[in-house]
C-alpha atoms as a PDB file:
ATOM      1  CA  MET A   1       0.022   0.065  -0.089  1.00  0.00           C
ATOM      2  CA  ARG A   2       2.718   2.255   0.376  1.00  0.00           C
ATOM      3  CA  VAL A   3       3.994   2.168  -2.978  1.00  0.00           C
ATOM      4  CA  LEU A   4       0.058   2.722  -4.500  1.00  0.00           C
ATOM      5  CA  SER A   5      -0.176   5.650  -2.339  1.00  0.00           C
ATOM      6  CA  ARG A   6       2.963   6.980  -3.928  1.00  0.00           C
ATOM      7  CA  VAL A   7       1.812   6.107  -7.242  1.00  0.00           C
ATOM      8  CA  PHE A   8      -1.597   7.192  -6.629  1.00  0.00           C
ATOM      9  CA  ARG A   9      -0.121  10.711  -5.383  1.00  0.00           C
ATOM     10  CA  GLY A  10       2.103  11.027  -8.664  1.00  0.00           C
ATOM     11  CA  LYS A  11      -0.854  10.129 -11.195  1.00  0.00           C
ATOM     12  CA  PHE A  12      -3.462  12.757  -9.006  1.00  0.00           C
ATOM     13  CA  VAL A  13      -1.378  15.347  -8.653  1.00  0.00           C
ATOM     14  CA  ALA A  14      -0.572  15.224 -12.703  1.00  0.00           C
ATOM     15  CA  GLY A  15      -3.970  14.842 -13.528  1.00  0.00           C
ATOM     16  CA  LEU A  16      -3.878  18.568 -11.153  1.00  0.00           C
ATOM     17  CA  ARG A  17      -1.232  19.819 -13.307  1.00  0.00           C
ATOM     18  CA  GLN A  18      -2.866  19.043 -16.470  1.00  0.00           C
ATOM     19  CA  ALA A  19      -6.349  20.244 -15.377  1.00  0.00           C
ATOM     20  CA  PHE A  20      -5.082  23.701 -14.358  1.00  0.00           C
ATOM     21  CA  HIS A  21      -3.327  24.081 -17.994  1.00  0.00           C
ATOM     22  CA  ARG A  22      -6.505  23.389 -19.493  1.00  0.00           C
ATOM     23  CA  LYS A  23      -8.252  26.150 -17.179  1.00  0.00           C
ATOM     24  CA  GLN A  24     -10.405  23.573 -16.168  1.00  0.00           C
ATOM     25  CA  ILE A  25     -10.279  24.598 -12.411  1.00  0.00           C
ATOM     26  CA  ASN A  26     -11.708  27.305 -10.403  1.00  0.00           C
ATOM     27  CA  PHE A  27     -10.749  29.222  -7.630  1.00  0.00           C
ATOM     28  CA  PHE A  28     -12.608  30.773  -5.169  1.00  0.00           C
ATOM     29  CA  GLY A  29     -12.304  32.781  -2.129  1.00  0.00           C
ATOM     30  CA  GLU A  30      -9.168  32.161  -0.016  1.00  0.00           C
ATOM     31  CA  LEU A  31      -7.846  29.813  -3.079  1.00  0.00           C
ATOM     32  CA  GLN A  32      -7.402  32.589  -5.971  1.00  0.00           C
ATOM     33  CA  PRO A  33      -3.848  33.273  -5.580  1.00  0.00           C
ATOM     34  CA  LEU A  34      -3.513  29.749  -6.807  1.00  0.00           C
ATOM     35  CA  ALA A  35      -4.876  30.992 -10.200  1.00  0.00           C
ATOM     36  CA  ASN A  36      -1.132  31.946 -10.944  1.00  0.00           C
ATOM     37  CA  GLU A  37       1.039  29.500 -12.093  1.00  0.00           C
ATOM     38  CA  LYS A  38       3.770  29.860 -10.278  1.00  0.00           C
ATOM     39  CA  ALA A  39       1.566  29.597  -7.117  1.00  0.00           C
ATOM     40  CA  PHE A  40       0.120  26.915  -8.322  1.00  0.00           C
ATOM     41  CA  THR A  41       3.376  24.785  -8.798  1.00  0.00           C
ATOM     42  CA  ALA A  42       4.271  25.694  -5.493  1.00  0.00           C
ATOM     43  CA  PHE A  43       1.228  24.205  -4.159  1.00  0.00           C
ATOM     44  CA  LEU A  44       1.851  21.063  -5.388  1.00  0.00           C
ATOM     45  CA  ARG A  45       5.012  20.355  -4.814  1.00  0.00           C
ATOM     46  CA  THR A  46       3.791  20.689  -0.847  1.00  0.00           C
ATOM     47  CA  LEU A  47       1.542  17.468  -1.699  1.00  0.00           C
ATOM     48  CA  PHE A  48       4.676  15.455  -2.466  1.00  0.00           C
ATOM     49  CA  ARG A  49       6.095  16.046   1.183  1.00  0.00           C
ATOM     50  CA  GLU A  50       3.074  13.982   2.944  1.00  0.00           C
ATOM     51  CA  GLU A  51       2.298  10.684   2.829  1.00  0.00           C
ATOM     52  CA  TRP A  52      -0.367   9.910   1.400  1.00  0.00           C
ATOM     53  CA  VAL A  53      -2.846   7.001   3.184  1.00  0.00           C
ATOM     54  CA  VAL A  54      -4.000   5.117   0.285  1.00  0.00           C
ATOM     55  CA  TYR A  55      -6.592   1.652   1.463  1.00  0.00           C
ATOM     56  CA  SER A  56      -6.958  -1.526  -1.096  1.00  0.00           C
ATOM     57  CA  LYS A  57      -9.171  -4.022  -0.896  1.00  0.00           C
ATOM     58  CA  ALA A  58     -11.143  -6.308  -3.565  1.00  0.00           C
ATOM     59  CA  PRO A  59     -13.851  -4.630  -5.194  1.00  0.00           C
ATOM     60  CA  PHE A  60     -17.269  -5.074  -5.091  1.00  0.00           C
ATOM     61  CA  GLY A  61     -19.277  -7.485  -7.285  1.00  0.00           C
ATOM     62  CA  GLY A  62     -21.282  -5.327  -8.497  1.00  0.00           C
ATOM     63  CA  PRO A  63     -24.455  -2.331  -7.523  1.00  0.00           C
ATOM     64  CA  GLU A  64     -25.855  -5.019  -5.956  1.00  0.00           C
ATOM     65  CA  HIS A  65     -22.754  -5.659  -3.663  1.00  0.00           C
ATOM     66  CA  VAL A  66     -22.635  -2.066  -3.185  1.00  0.00           C
ATOM     67  CA  LEU A  67     -26.570  -1.871  -1.805  1.00  0.00           C
ATOM     68  CA  GLN A  68     -25.881  -5.246  -0.170  1.00  0.00           C
ATOM     69  CA  TYR A  69     -23.126  -3.878   1.989  1.00  0.00           C
ATOM     70  CA  LEU A  70     -24.718  -0.701   2.650  1.00  0.00           C
ATOM     71  CA  ALA A  71     -28.000  -1.913   3.994  1.00  0.00           C
ATOM     72  CA  ARG A  72     -25.941  -4.247   6.496  1.00  0.00           C
ATOM     73  CA  TYR A  73     -25.433  -0.942   8.129  1.00  0.00           C
ATOM     74  CA  THR A  74     -28.299   0.841   7.998  1.00  0.00           C
ATOM     75  CA  HIS A  75     -31.109  -1.866   7.971  1.00  0.00           C
ATOM     76  CA  ARG A  76     -30.027  -4.251  10.807  1.00  0.00           C
ATOM     77  CA  VAL A  77     -29.479  -4.222  14.231  1.00  0.00           C
ATOM     78  CA  ALA A  78     -26.816  -5.936  15.930  1.00  0.00           C
ATOM     79  CA  ILE A  79     -27.433  -9.729  14.187  1.00  0.00           C
ATOM     80  CA  SER A  80     -29.207 -11.218  11.535  1.00  0.00           C
ATOM     81  CA  ASN A  81     -32.170 -14.263  11.384  1.00  0.00           C
ATOM     82  CA  HIS A  82     -29.628 -16.606   9.608  1.00  0.00           C
ATOM     83  CA  ARG A  83     -26.762 -16.286  12.112  1.00  0.00           C
ATOM     84  CA  LEU A  84     -29.024 -17.658  14.501  1.00  0.00           C
ATOM     85  CA  LEU A  85     -28.578 -21.515  14.968  1.00  0.00           C
ATOM     86  CA  SER A  86     -30.800 -22.424  18.202  1.00  0.00           C
ATOM     87  CA  VAL A  87     -33.318 -20.849  20.719  1.00  0.00           C
ATOM     88  CA  ASP A  88     -34.619 -22.811  23.419  1.00  0.00           C
ATOM     89  CA  GLY A  89     -35.643 -22.101  27.007  1.00  0.00           C
ATOM     90  CA  ASP A  90     -32.228 -20.909  28.525  1.00  0.00           C
ATOM     91  CA  HIS A  91     -29.943 -20.346  25.687  1.00  0.00           C
ATOM     92  CA  VAL A  92     -29.071 -19.146  22.142  1.00  0.00           C
ATOM     93  CA  THR A  93     -26.737 -20.563  19.892  1.00  0.00           C
ATOM     94  CA  PHE A  94     -25.716 -18.449  16.681  1.00  0.00           C
ATOM     95  CA  ARG A  95     -22.975 -18.439  14.492  1.00  0.00           C
ATOM     96  CA  TRP A  96     -19.931 -15.692  14.449  1.00  0.00           C
ATOM     97  CA  LYS A  97     -16.305 -14.733  12.807  1.00  0.00           C
ATOM     98  CA  ASP A  98     -13.453 -15.069  14.078  1.00  0.00           C
ATOM     99  CA  TYR A  99     -11.366 -12.707  12.623  1.00  0.00           C
ATOM    100  CA  ALA A 100      -8.331 -13.815  14.888  1.00  0.00           C
ATOM    101  CA  HIS A 101      -7.788 -16.705  13.359  1.00  0.00           C
ATOM    102  CA  HIS A 102      -8.528 -16.007   9.429  1.00  0.00           C
ATOM    103  CA  SER A 103     -12.817 -15.469  10.392  1.00  0.00           C
ATOM    104  CA  LYS A 104     -13.376 -18.915  10.784  1.00  0.00           C
ATOM    105  CA  CYS A 105     -16.794 -19.540  11.583  1.00  0.00           C
ATOM    106  CA  ARG A 106     -17.662 -20.547  14.830  1.00  0.00           C
ATOM    107  CA  ALA A 107     -20.580 -21.169  17.136  1.00  0.00           C
ATOM    108  CA  MET A 108     -21.139 -19.466  20.274  1.00  0.00           C
ATOM    109  CA  THR A 109     -23.799 -20.268  23.035  1.00  0.00           C
ATOM    110  CA  LEU A 110     -25.313 -17.568  25.621  1.00  0.00           C
ATOM    111  CA  THR A 111     -28.088 -17.360  28.332  1.00  0.00           C
ATOM    112  CA  LEU A 112     -30.894 -15.606  27.173  1.00  0.00           C
ATOM    113  CA  GLU A 113     -30.144 -12.808  29.572  1.00  0.00           C
ATOM    114  CA  GLU A 114     -26.380 -12.691  28.353  1.00  0.00           C
ATOM    115  CA  PHE A 115     -27.829 -12.435  24.732  1.00  0.00           C
ATOM    116  CA  LEU A 116     -30.105  -9.830  25.245  1.00  0.00           C
ATOM    117  CA  ARG A 117     -28.053  -7.396  27.381  1.00  0.00           C
ATOM    118  CA  ARG A 118     -24.859  -7.760  24.290  1.00  0.00           C
ATOM    119  CA  PHE A 119     -28.094  -7.136  21.896  1.00  0.00           C
ATOM    120  CA  LEU A 120     -29.312  -4.433  23.298  1.00  0.00           C
ATOM    121  CA  GLN A 121     -26.006  -2.334  23.076  1.00  0.00           C
ATOM    122  CA  HIS A 122     -26.481  -2.326  19.576  1.00  0.00           C
ATOM    123  CA  VAL A 123     -29.709  -0.440  19.777  1.00  0.00           C
ATOM    124  CA  LEU A 124     -29.585   3.183  19.776  1.00  0.00           C
ATOM    125  CA  PRO A 125     -31.230   5.306  22.207  1.00  0.00           C
ATOM    126  CA  LYS A 126     -34.284   7.483  21.111  1.00  0.00           C
ATOM    127  CA  GLY A 127     -34.038  10.366  18.999  1.00  0.00           C
ATOM    128  CA  LEU A 128     -30.511   9.461  17.520  1.00  0.00           C
ATOM    129  CA  PRO A 129     -30.550   9.113  13.810  1.00  0.00           C
ATOM    130  CA  ARG A 130     -28.569   5.857  12.166  1.00  0.00           C
ATOM    131  CA  ILE A 131     -27.586   7.863   9.400  1.00  0.00           C
ATOM    132  CA  ARG A 132     -27.277  11.454   9.219  1.00  0.00           C
ATOM    133  CA  TYR A 133     -25.832  14.118   6.893  1.00  0.00           C
ATOM    134  CA  PHE A 134     -22.127  15.918   7.144  1.00  0.00           C
ATOM    135  CA  GLY A 135     -20.274  18.498   5.712  1.00  0.00           C
ATOM    136  CA  TRP A 136     -21.915  21.000   3.696  1.00  0.00           C
ATOM    137  CA  LEU A 137     -25.396  19.496   4.280  1.00  0.00           C
ATOM    138  CA  ALA A 138     -25.363  18.653   8.045  1.00  0.00           C
ATOM    139  CA  ASN A 139     -28.328  20.193  10.004  1.00  0.00           C
ATOM    140  CA  ARG A 140     -26.365  23.337  11.687  1.00  0.00           C
ATOM    141  CA  ARG A 141     -24.526  24.719   8.714  1.00  0.00           C
ATOM    142  CA  ARG A 142     -26.770  23.774   6.065  1.00  0.00           C
ATOM    143  CA  ARG A 143     -28.363  27.492   6.148  1.00  0.00           C
ATOM    144  CA  GLU A 144     -25.717  28.863   5.509  1.00  0.00           C
ATOM    145  CA  LEU A 145     -23.022  26.796   3.191  1.00  0.00           C
ATOM    146  CA  LEU A 146     -26.032  25.504   0.559  1.00  0.00           C
ATOM    147  CA  PRO A 147     -26.325  29.110  -0.840  1.00  0.00           C
ATOM    148  CA  LEU A 148     -22.753  29.035  -0.402  1.00  0.00           C
ATOM    149  CA  CYS A 149     -22.642  26.302  -2.621  1.00  0.00           C
ATOM    150  CA  ARG A 150     -25.051  27.511  -5.019  1.00  0.00           C
ATOM    151  CA  THR A 151     -23.474  30.769  -5.991  1.00  0.00           C
ATOM    152  CA  LEU A 152     -20.009  29.342  -6.069  1.00  0.00           C
ATOM    153  CA  LEU A 153     -21.556  26.663  -9.096  1.00  0.00           C
ATOM    154  CA  ALA A 154     -23.333  29.977 -10.415  1.00  0.00           C
ATOM    155  CA  ALA A 155     -26.874  27.952  -9.997  1.00  0.00           C
ATOM    156  CA  ALA A 156     -29.959  29.354  -9.550  1.00  0.00           C
ATOM    157  CA  PRO A 157     -31.893  28.870  -5.862  1.00  0.00           C
ATOM    158  CA  SER A 158     -34.293  26.080  -6.521  1.00  0.00           C
ATOM    159  CA  ALA A 159     -38.003  27.208  -6.357  1.00  0.00           C
ATOM    160  CA  ALA A 160     -38.632  25.404  -3.115  1.00  0.00           C
ATOM    161  CA  ALA A 161     -35.844  27.286  -1.430  1.00  0.00           C
ATOM    162  CA  SER A 162     -36.842  30.827  -2.900  1.00  0.00           C
ATOM    163  CA  ASP A 163     -40.545  30.738  -2.538  1.00  0.00           C
ATOM    164  CA  THR A 164     -41.835  30.571   1.022  1.00  0.00           C
ATOM    165  CA  SER A 165     -44.966  32.328   0.710  1.00  0.00           C
ATOM    166  CA  GLU A 166     -46.671  28.957  -1.460  1.00  0.00           C
ATOM    167  CA  PRO A 167     -50.263  28.675  -0.303  1.00  0.00           C
ATOM    168  CA  ALA A 168     -51.385  25.589   1.940  1.00  0.00           C
ATOM    169  CA  VAL A 169     -51.990  22.416  -0.079  1.00  0.00           C
ATOM    170  CA  TRP A 170     -55.218  21.668   1.860  1.00  0.00           C
ATOM    171  CA  LYS A 171     -58.233  23.552   3.164  1.00  0.00           C
ATOM    172  CA  CYS A 172     -60.362  23.564   5.414  1.00  0.00           C
ATOM    173  CA  PRO A 173     -64.003  22.048   4.079  1.00  0.00           C
ATOM    174  CA  ALA A 174     -65.996  23.759   6.661  1.00  0.00           C
ATOM    175  CA  CYS A 175     -64.901  27.455   6.310  1.00  0.00           C
ATOM    176  CA  GLY A 176     -62.589  27.142   2.894  1.00  0.00           C
ATOM    177  CA  GLY A 177     -59.525  28.651   4.675  1.00  0.00           C
ATOM    178  CA  ALA A 178     -55.728  27.333   4.695  1.00  0.00           C
ATOM    179  CA  MET A 179     -54.616  24.284   6.818  1.00  0.00           C
ATOM    180  CA  HIS A 180     -51.285  23.838   7.653  1.00  0.00           C
ATOM    181  CA  VAL A 181     -49.954  20.545   9.482  1.00  0.00           C
ATOM    182  CA  ALA A 182     -49.856  20.448  13.017  1.00  0.00           C
ATOM    183  CA  GLU A 183     -48.440  16.751  13.313  1.00  0.00           C
ATOM    184  CA  ARG A 184     -48.132  14.174  11.539  1.00  0.00           C
ATOM    185  CA  LEU A 185     -49.096  10.586  12.881  1.00  0.00           C
ATOM    186  CA  THR A 186     -48.145   6.983  12.230  1.00  0.00           C
ATOM    187  CA  ALA A 187     -50.299   4.090  10.848  1.00  0.00           C
ATOM    188  CA  LYS A 188     -50.279   2.675  14.525  1.00  0.00           C
ATOM    189  CA  GLN A 189     -51.154   5.981  16.322  1.00  0.00           C
ATOM    190  CA  ILE A 190     -53.685   6.599  14.112  1.00  0.00           C
ATOM    191  CA  LEU A 191     -55.119   2.517  14.781  1.00  0.00           C
ATOM    192  CA  ARG A 192     -54.810   3.181  18.104  1.00  0.00           C
ATOM    193  CA  GLU A 193     -57.172   6.315  17.824  1.00  0.00           C
ATOM    194  CA  GLN A 194     -59.235   4.648  15.950  1.00  0.00           C
ATOM    195  CA  SER A 195     -60.120   2.187  18.397  1.00  0.00           C
ATOM    196  CA  ARG A 196     -60.244   4.163  21.131  1.00  0.00           C
ATOM    197  CA  PRO A 197     -64.024   4.284  22.895  1.00  0.00           C
ATOM    198  CA  ALA A 198     -65.932   7.309  21.807  1.00  0.00           C
ATOM    199  CA  CYS A 199     -66.892   9.314  25.283  1.00  0.00           C
ATOM    200  CA  ILE A 200     -69.855  11.579  25.464  1.00  0.00           C
ATOM    201  CA  LEU A 201     -70.030  14.637  27.615  1.00  0.00           C
ATOM    202  CA  ASP A 202     -73.237  15.670  29.011  1.00  0.00           C
ATOM    203  CA  SER A 203     -72.886  19.222  29.367  1.00  0.00           C
ATOM    204  CA  SER A 204     -76.408  19.776  31.001  1.00  0.00           C
END
């Protein structure tokens, strides 16, 4: 990987130099001085003073394999059903990979209490999202950085972002006035509300 990192660094810098001479790179803000050829060449020399980190592994077999790989992190909690070998009244036996010994598959048997204890350590606390935006799409800085990105890309803001006075889609069936969403209920909450017995209040 050390040799690969140096080859990748050389090819990457060569690509930057070629793109600069073809005027395919634009510089904005604090980077504007790099538009000068001497300054840009001096900047490229600094890139060779650091060791680049390159990690390589066997490629995926196609888009389906990529989706399967990501799905294991986004839609599965702790352990999948196919790894469970047996479950009785007192113990759970499941399959696991021993990465310390060439990823050899082994079986482990735990008591129900210990299995649940380990399983619940992988359950996220309420309100903690599993997948979140980062960088310029992070919630904390998106309002500031997203318009800046559009400006740098010379792109007009989207209609949804620029027009905030769009009337509500829903109208009240009684008075015809505009209706706004106050709360969104899940299907489970709707069924629970529908199953509650109606209460009649006598105000006499």
